[in-house]
C-alpha atoms as a PDB file:
ATOM      1  CA  MET A   1      -4.764   3.407 -14.427  1.00  0.00           C
ATOM      2  CA  ILE A   2      -4.560   0.612 -11.872  1.00  0.00           C
ATOM      3  CA  TYR A   3      -1.203  -0.004 -10.224  1.00  0.00           C
ATOM      4  CA  LYS A   4      -0.513  -3.288  -8.427  1.00  0.00           C
ATOM      5  CA  TYR A   5       2.268  -4.285  -6.083  1.00  0.00           C
ATOM      6  CA  ASP A   6       2.689  -7.622  -4.310  1.00  0.00           C
ATOM      7  CA  GLY A   7       5.031  -7.046  -1.400  1.00  0.00           C
ATOM      8  CA  GLN A   8       4.538 -10.414   0.280  1.00  0.00           C
ATOM      9  CA  GLY A   9       7.784 -11.690   1.714  1.00  0.00           C
ATOM     10  CA  GLN A  10       9.495  -8.311   1.480  1.00  0.00           C
ATOM     11  CA  LYS A  11      10.621  -6.654   4.688  1.00  0.00           C
ATOM     12  CA  CYS A  12      10.163  -3.019   5.597  1.00  0.00           C
ATOM     13  CA  PRO A  13      11.186  -0.540   4.244  1.00  0.00           C
ATOM     14  CA  VAL A  14      11.006  -2.118   0.750  1.00  0.00           C
ATOM     15  CA  PRO A  15       7.168  -2.125   0.475  1.00  0.00           C
ATOM     16  CA  LEU A  16       7.015   1.429   1.806  1.00  0.00           C
ATOM     17  CA  ILE A  17       9.574   2.634  -0.742  1.00  0.00           C
ATOM     18  CA  GLN A  18       7.775   0.825  -3.570  1.00  0.00           C
ATOM     19  CA  LEU A  19       4.460   2.376  -2.526  1.00  0.00           C
ATOM     20  CA  ARG A  20       5.968   5.873  -2.450  1.00  0.00           C
ATOM     21  CA  GLN A  21       7.205   5.382  -6.024  1.00  0.00           C
ATOM     22  CA  LEU A  22       3.760   4.248  -7.156  1.00  0.00           C
ATOM     23  CA  LEU A  23       2.060   7.171  -5.430  1.00  0.00           C
ATOM     24  CA  LYS A  24       4.303   9.592  -7.337  1.00  0.00           C
ATOM     25  CA  LYS A  25       3.110   8.072 -10.644  1.00  0.00           C
ATOM     26  CA  MET A  26      -0.578   8.155  -9.776  1.00  0.00           C
ATOM     27  CA  GLN A  27      -2.952  10.755 -11.168  1.00  0.00           C
ATOM     28  CA  SER A  28      -6.553  11.643 -10.361  1.00  0.00           C
ATOM     29  CA  GLY A  29      -8.827   8.629 -10.922  1.00  0.00           C
ATOM     30  CA  ASP A  30      -6.009   6.078 -10.571  1.00  0.00           C
ATOM     31  CA  GLU A  31      -6.016   3.185  -8.128  1.00  0.00           C
ATOM     32  CA  CYS A  32      -3.238   1.294  -6.394  1.00  0.00           C
ATOM     33  CA  HIS A  33      -3.633  -2.204  -4.940  1.00  0.00           C
ATOM     34  CA  ILE A  34      -0.874  -3.499  -2.681  1.00  0.00           C
ATOM     35  CA  ILE A  35      -0.533  -6.754  -0.771  1.00  0.00           C
ATOM     36  CA  ILE A  36       1.773  -6.905   2.232  1.00  0.00           C
ATOM     37  CA  ASN A  37       2.525  -9.221   5.133  1.00  0.00           C
ATOM     38  CA  ASP A  38       5.465  -7.624   6.940  1.00  0.00           C
ATOM     39  CA  ILE A  39       4.493  -6.303  10.375  1.00  0.00           C
ATOM     40  CA  GLY A  40       6.578  -3.152   9.941  1.00  0.00           C
ATOM     41  CA  SER A  41       4.880  -2.364   6.639  1.00  0.00           C
ATOM     42  CA  LEU A  42       1.461  -3.121   8.132  1.00  0.00           C
ATOM     43  CA  ASN A  43       2.129  -0.354  10.659  1.00  0.00           C
ATOM     44  CA  ASP A  44       4.039   2.140   8.514  1.00  0.00           C
ATOM     45  CA  ILE A  45       2.008   2.171   5.285  1.00  0.00           C
ATOM     46  CA  PRO A  46      -1.347   3.187   6.845  1.00  0.00           C
ATOM     47  CA  LYS A  47       0.487   5.858   8.863  1.00  0.00           C
ATOM     48  CA  LEU A  48       1.980   7.276   5.653  1.00  0.00           C
ATOM     49  CA  LEU A  49      -1.355   7.206   3.834  1.00  0.00           C
ATOM     50  CA  ASN A  50      -3.131   8.936   6.720  1.00  0.00           C
ATOM     51  CA  LYS A  51      -0.390  11.549   7.033  1.00  0.00           C
ATOM     52  CA  LYS A  52      -0.561  12.347   3.300  1.00  0.00           C
ATOM     53  CA  GLY A  53      -4.382  12.376   3.272  1.00  0.00           C
ATOM     54  CA  TYR A  54      -4.955   9.452   0.890  1.00  0.00           C
ATOM     55  CA  THR A  55      -8.291   7.631   0.793  1.00  0.00           C
ATOM     56  CA  TYR A  56      -7.788   3.891   1.183  1.00  0.00           C
ATOM     57  CA  GLN A  57      -9.394   0.657   2.290  1.00  0.00           C
ATOM     58  CA  GLN A  58      -7.583  -2.106   4.112  1.00  0.00           C
ATOM     59  CA  LYS A  59      -8.754  -5.702   4.334  1.00  0.00           C
ATOM     60  CA  ASP A  60      -7.353  -8.995   5.551  1.00  0.00           C
ATOM     61  CA  ILE A  61      -7.185 -11.490   2.688  1.00  0.00           C
ATOM     62  CA  ALA A  62      -5.535 -14.288   4.693  1.00  0.00           C
ATOM     63  CA  VAL A  63      -3.914 -14.726   8.094  1.00  0.00           C
ATOM     64  CA  GLY A  64      -1.227 -12.041   8.303  1.00  0.00           C
ATOM     65  CA  ILE A  65      -1.760 -10.849   4.720  1.00  0.00           C
ATOM     66  CA  VAL A  66      -3.391  -7.478   4.069  1.00  0.00           C
ATOM     67  CA  GLU A  67      -4.548  -5.809   0.881  1.00  0.00           C
ATOM     68  CA  ILE A  68      -4.634  -2.019   0.769  1.00  0.00           C
ATOM     69  CA  ASN A  69      -6.552  -0.257  -1.996  1.00  0.00           C
ATOM     70  CA  ILE A  70      -5.807   3.415  -2.605  1.00  0.00           C
ATOM     71  CA  LYS A  71      -7.877   5.705  -4.844  1.00  0.00           C
ATOM     72  CA  LEU A  72      -7.028   9.216  -5.998  1.00  0.00           C
END
């Protein structure tokens, strides 16, 4: 399953909380695509993913807007 979350305009910790909820739902083979632009989330979300050992890719899609793709 592919989960998507557009967190543009939402301030930390909302995107982080939303991502945690999505990660709980994910199973092997699932993907999660999130878009964020809050500086706090841009720092905190990769830290969480690294700490938990998730494989992800991060790319800039516009000035100040980042897409993070997570695969299980």
